[in-house]
């Protein structure tokens, strides 16, 4: 492989890497914009809406904890039967 081919391949690889990194940067920027918009919309919520949202979040956490507890109890009973 000659020096010309080496540099041609090297610059081609750098170009491909740059394009891929640009796509990652665009996706990260879009995600940051969306998160900022959500934060802004949540900040504008009325206190009653905020309270309802927090209650729904707590209920989801309680349900998840109950599922984990049930799974743990099932594992305990399965090991005791052995």
Protein backbone atom coordinates (compact mmCIF):
# COMPACT_ATOMS: atom_id res chain seq x y z
CA UNK A 1 0.00 0.00 0.00
CA UNK A 2 1.46 3.29 -1.08
CA UNK A 3 1.48 6.48 0.91
CA UNK A 4 -1.18 7.98 -1.34
CA UNK A 5 -3.56 5.07 -0.68
CA UNK A 6 -2.79 5.22 3.04
CA UNK A 7 -3.77 8.89 3.30
CA UNK A 8 -6.80 8.38 1.08
CA UNK A 9 -8.05 5.62 3.40
CA UNK A 10 -7.21 7.64 6.52
CA UNK A 11 -9.13 10.71 5.33
CA UNK A 12 -12.02 8.55 4.22
CA UNK A 13 -12.20 6.99 7.70
CA UNK A 14 -12.06 10.43 9.34
CA UNK A 15 -14.88 11.65 7.10
CA UNK A 16 -17.07 8.69 8.01
CA UNK A 17 -16.30 9.16 11.70
CA UNK A 18 -17.13 12.86 11.51
CA UNK A 19 -20.47 12.14 9.84
CA UNK A 20 -21.35 9.58 12.50
CA UNK A 21 -20.40 11.96 15.32
CA UNK A 22 -22.49 14.70 13.71
CA UNK A 23 -25.54 12.41 13.77
CA UNK A 24 -24.92 11.68 17.46
CA UNK A 25 -24.61 15.40 18.19
CA UNK A 26 -27.85 16.15 16.33
CA UNK A 27 -29.69 13.47 18.30
CA UNK A 28 -28.31 14.76 21.61
CA UNK A 29 -29.31 18.33 20.74
CA UNK A 30 -32.84 17.24 19.83
CA UNK A 31 -33.13 15.35 23.12
CA UNK A 32 -31.88 18.36 25.10
CA UNK A 33 -34.39 20.62 23.35
CA UNK A 34 -37.23 18.22 24.10
CA UNK A 35 -36.22 17.96 27.76
CA UNK A 36 -36.05 21.76 28.04
CA UNK A 37 -39.52 22.07 26.54
CA UNK A 38 -40.90 19.48 28.99
CA UNK A 39 -39.28 21.32 31.90
CA UNK A 40 -40.82 24.59 30.70
CA UNK A 41 -44.27 23.06 30.31
CA UNK A 42 -44.03 21.45 33.75
CA UNK A 43 -43.01 24.77 35.28
CA UNK A 44 -46.13 26.39 33.82
CA UNK A 45 -48.45 23.74 35.31
CA UNK A 46 -50.95 24.82 37.91
CA UNK A 47 -50.42 23.55 41.46
CA UNK A 48 -53.36 21.14 41.17
CA UNK A 49 -51.98 19.67 37.93
CA UNK A 50 -48.53 19.33 39.49
CA UNK A 51 -50.03 17.62 42.53
CA UNK A 52 -51.99 15.18 40.34
CA UNK A 53 -48.85 14.38 38.34
CA UNK A 54 -46.82 13.73 41.48
CA UNK A 55 -49.60 11.50 42.87
CA UNK A 56 -49.63 9.45 39.66
CA UNK A 57 -45.85 9.12 39.85
CA UNK A 58 -46.05 7.93 43.48
CA UNK A 59 -48.76 5.42 42.60
CA UNK A 60 -46.58 4.02 39.80
CA UNK A 61 -43.65 3.69 42.21
CA UNK A 62 -45.85 1.91 44.77
CA UNK A 63 -47.11 -0.50 42.11
CA UNK A 64 -43.55 -1.24 40.99
CA UNK A 65 -42.44 -1.84 44.57
CA UNK A 66 -45.38 -4.20 45.15
CA UNK A 67 -44.47 -6.17 42.02
CA UNK A 68 -40.86 -6.48 43.17
CA UNK A 69 -42.01 -7.60 46.62
CA UNK A 70 -44.34 -10.22 45.11
CA UNK A 71 -41.53 -11.52 42.90
CA UNK A 72 -39.20 -11.74 45.90
CA UNK A 73 -41.81 -13.58 47.95
CA UNK A 74 -42.35 -16.02 45.07
CA UNK A 75 -38.61 -16.68 44.92
CA UNK A 76 -38.53 -17.21 48.69
CA UNK A 77 -41.38 -19.71 48.59
CA UNK A 78 -39.77 -21.51 45.63
CA UNK A 79 -36.52 -21.94 47.53
CA UNK A 80 -38.29 -23.15 50.69
CA UNK A 81 -40.10 -25.88 48.75
CA UNK A 82 -36.83 -27.40 47.54
